[in-house]
Amino acid sequence: MARAGLDRLGLKPEHAQVLSAEELLPAVGQGTLGVEVRAADQHLREAFRALDDPAARAEALAERAFLRRLGADCHTPVAGLARHTGVTVEMDGLVSSLDGRTVIRGKASGAADRAEAVGERLADELLARGARTLLDEGAGR
């Protein structure tokens, strides 16, 4: 179970262990909250503008671009985590075989205002290293 869920329930089992992103990357978009408002609804757009977090937006953009470039979805063994670090975005990502025996992992970083390019570049790197084969295997499940 996710730590957030245990915390919300007030449960802290003694045997529970927090895993780092190096040990277990989360699924793309985990922890991201998005609000969608019609473009023509200026009043609501202004009201929600105060909730916007540019760092979180850059992270989400990088992760979503990574997933989109891979052509993956929520049923594909893909993980990714972007971190906003001041003026840059750093992203870790992986594609796995269905059985988890083959994992292709990589990192990319770049300017935060070009966060989507960071995610796309990481996806391109993993695809160049054989991720397409693993993704195609997952699509045939």
Protein backbone atom coordinates (compact mmCIF):
# COMPACT_ATOMS: atom_id res chain seq x y z
CA MET A 1 0.00 0.00 0.00
CA ALA A 2 1.18 3.53 -0.68
CA ARG A 3 2.62 5.49 2.23
CA ALA A 4 0.08 8.27 1.68
CA GLY A 5 -2.74 5.77 2.19
CA LEU A 6 -1.22 4.40 5.38
CA ASP A 7 -0.65 7.92 6.70
CA ARG A 8 -4.23 8.92 5.88
CA LEU A 9 -5.52 5.89 7.80
CA GLY A 10 -3.23 6.64 10.74
CA LEU A 11 -1.43 3.33 10.27
CA LYS A 12 2.32 3.01 10.62
CA PRO A 13 3.12 -0.72 10.69
CA GLU A 14 6.50 -1.49 12.23
CA HIS A 15 7.46 -3.67 9.28
CA ALA A 16 6.59 -0.97 6.71
CA GLN A 17 9.51 0.34 4.71
CA VAL A 18 9.64 3.46 2.54
CA LEU A 19 11.18 2.69 -0.84
CA SER A 20 13.22 5.34 -2.60
CA ALA A 21 12.68 6.23 -6.25
CA GLU A 22 16.00 4.51 -6.96
CA GLU A 23 14.52 1.27 -5.60
CA LEU A 24 11.04 1.62 -7.11
CA LEU A 25 10.04 4.34 -9.54
CA PRO A 26 6.36 5.28 -9.31
CA ALA A 27 3.94 5.16 -12.19
CA VAL A 28 3.89 8.32 -14.28
CA GLY A 29 1.69 11.04 -12.79
CA GLN A 30 1.46 9.60 -9.28
CA GLY A 31 0.58 12.32 -6.80
CA THR A 32 -0.36 14.80 -9.50
CA LEU A 33 -3.60 16.69 -9.08
CA GLY A 34 -5.05 18.34 -12.14
CA VAL A 35 -7.91 20.79 -12.46
CA GLU A 36 -9.61 21.22 -15.81
CA VAL A 37 -11.57 24.36 -16.61
CA ARG A 38 -13.26 25.39 -19.87
CA ALA A 39 -11.13 27.92 -21.75
CA ALA A 40 -14.08 30.31 -22.06
CA ASP A 41 -14.75 30.33 -18.29
CA GLN A 42 -12.50 33.25 -17.32
CA HIS A 43 -13.92 33.53 -13.80
CA LEU A 44 -13.00 29.95 -12.91
CA ARG A 45 -9.66 30.19 -14.72
CA GLU A 46 -8.74 33.17 -12.55
CA ALA A 47 -10.00 31.46 -9.39
CA PHE A 48 -7.88 28.35 -10.02
CA ARG A 49 -4.78 30.27 -11.15
CA ALA A 50 -3.86 30.72 -7.48
CA LEU A 51 -3.61 26.93 -7.13
CA ASP A 52 -1.15 26.57 -9.99
CA ASP A 53 2.28 25.32 -8.97
CA PRO A 54 4.76 25.94 -11.80
CA ALA A 55 7.19 23.34 -10.44
CA ALA A 56 4.51 20.64 -10.25
CA ARG A 57 3.25 21.63 -13.71
CA ALA A 58 6.76 21.24 -15.19
CA GLU A 59 7.10 17.80 -13.56
CA ALA A 60 3.70 16.68 -14.86
CA LEU A 61 4.45 17.97 -18.36
CA ALA A 62 7.74 16.04 -18.49
CA GLU A 63 6.15 12.83 -17.25
CA ARG A 64 3.16 13.03 -19.59
CA ALA A 65 5.41 13.79 -22.58
CA PHE A 66 7.51 10.74 -21.65
CA LEU A 67 4.45 8.49 -21.60
CA ARG A 68 3.01 9.99 -24.78
CA ARG A 69 6.28 9.61 -26.74
CA LEU A 70 6.53 5.97 -25.67
CA GLY A 71 2.95 5.39 -26.80
CA ALA A 72 2.27 3.84 -23.40
CA ASP A 73 -0.76 3.89 -21.13
CA CYS A 74 -1.67 3.03 -17.56
CA HIS A 75 -1.55 -0.71 -18.37
CA THR A 76 2.02 -0.63 -19.66
CA PRO A 77 5.01 -1.49 -17.42
CA VAL A 78 6.41 2.05 -17.51
CA ALA A 79 7.47 4.27 -14.62
CA GLY A 80 8.73 7.82 -14.44
CA LEU A 81 9.46 10.55 -11.95
CA ALA A 82 10.35 14.14 -12.79
CA ARG A 83 11.75 16.55 -10.21
CA HIS A 84 11.83 20.30 -10.57
CA THR A 85 15.19 21.53 -9.27
CA GLY A 86 15.14 25.29 -9.60
CA VAL A 87 15.52 26.14 -13.27
CA THR A 88 15.82 22.52 -14.45
CA VAL A 89 13.74 19.36 -14.56
CA GLU A 90 15.44 16.03 -13.93
CA MET A 91 13.62 12.86 -14.89
CA ASP A 92 14.14 9.16 -14.25
CA GLY A 93 12.20 6.65 -16.30
CA LEU A 94 12.00 3.00 -17.14
CA VAL A 95 10.27 0.48 -19.33
CA SER A 96 10.03 -3.12 -18.14
CA SER A 97 9.13 -6.47 -19.58
CA LEU A 98 5.85 -7.88 -18.25
CA ASP A 99 7.69 -10.31 -15.99
CA GLY A 100 10.06 -7.59 -14.72
CA ARG A 101 13.18 -9.47 -15.75
CA THR A 102 14.23 -6.92 -18.36
CA VAL A 103 14.33 -3.27 -17.37
CA ILE A 104 15.58 -0.38 -19.47
CA ARG A 105 16.18 2.64 -17.28
CA GLY A 106 17.49 6.12 -18.00
CA LYS A 107 17.72 9.75 -16.92
CA ALA A 108 17.40 13.09 -18.64
CA SER A 109 17.46 16.71 -17.57
CA GLY A 110 16.93 20.10 -19.08
CA ALA A 111 15.44 23.54 -18.67
CA ALA A 112 12.18 23.60 -16.69
CA ASP A 113 10.55 25.79 -19.31
CA ARG A 114 11.19 22.94 -21.80
CA ALA A 115 9.95 20.16 -19.51
CA GLU A 116 8.12 18.30 -22.28
CA ALA A 117 11.34 18.09 -24.27
CA VAL A 118 13.03 16.46 -21.26
CA GLY A 119 10.38 13.73 -21.13
CA GLU A 120 10.48 13.22 -24.88
CA ARG A 121 14.30 13.00 -24.91
CA LEU A 122 14.24 10.36 -22.17
CA ALA A 123 11.61 8.33 -24.05
CA ASP A 124 13.67 8.56 -27.25
CA GLU A 125 16.75 7.31 -25.39
CA LEU A 126 14.89 4.30 -23.97
CA LEU A 127 13.33 3.53 -27.35
CA ALA A 128 16.80 3.63 -28.93
CA ARG A 129 17.95 1.11 -26.31
CA GLY A 130 15.19 -1.42 -27.09
CA ALA A 131 12.14 -0.26 -25.15
CA ARG A 132 9.87 -0.67 -28.20
CA THR A 133 10.25 -4.45 -28.00
CA LEU A 134 9.17 -4.44 -24.35
CA LEU A 135 6.26 -2.08 -25.05
CA ASP A 136 5.06 -4.25 -27.96
CA GLU A 137 5.27 -7.31 -25.71
CA GLY A 138 3.08 -5.54 -23.15
CA ALA A 139 0.55 -4.49 -25.79
CA GLY A 140 0.00 -8.11 -26.75
CA ARG A 141 -1.00 -9.17 -23.22
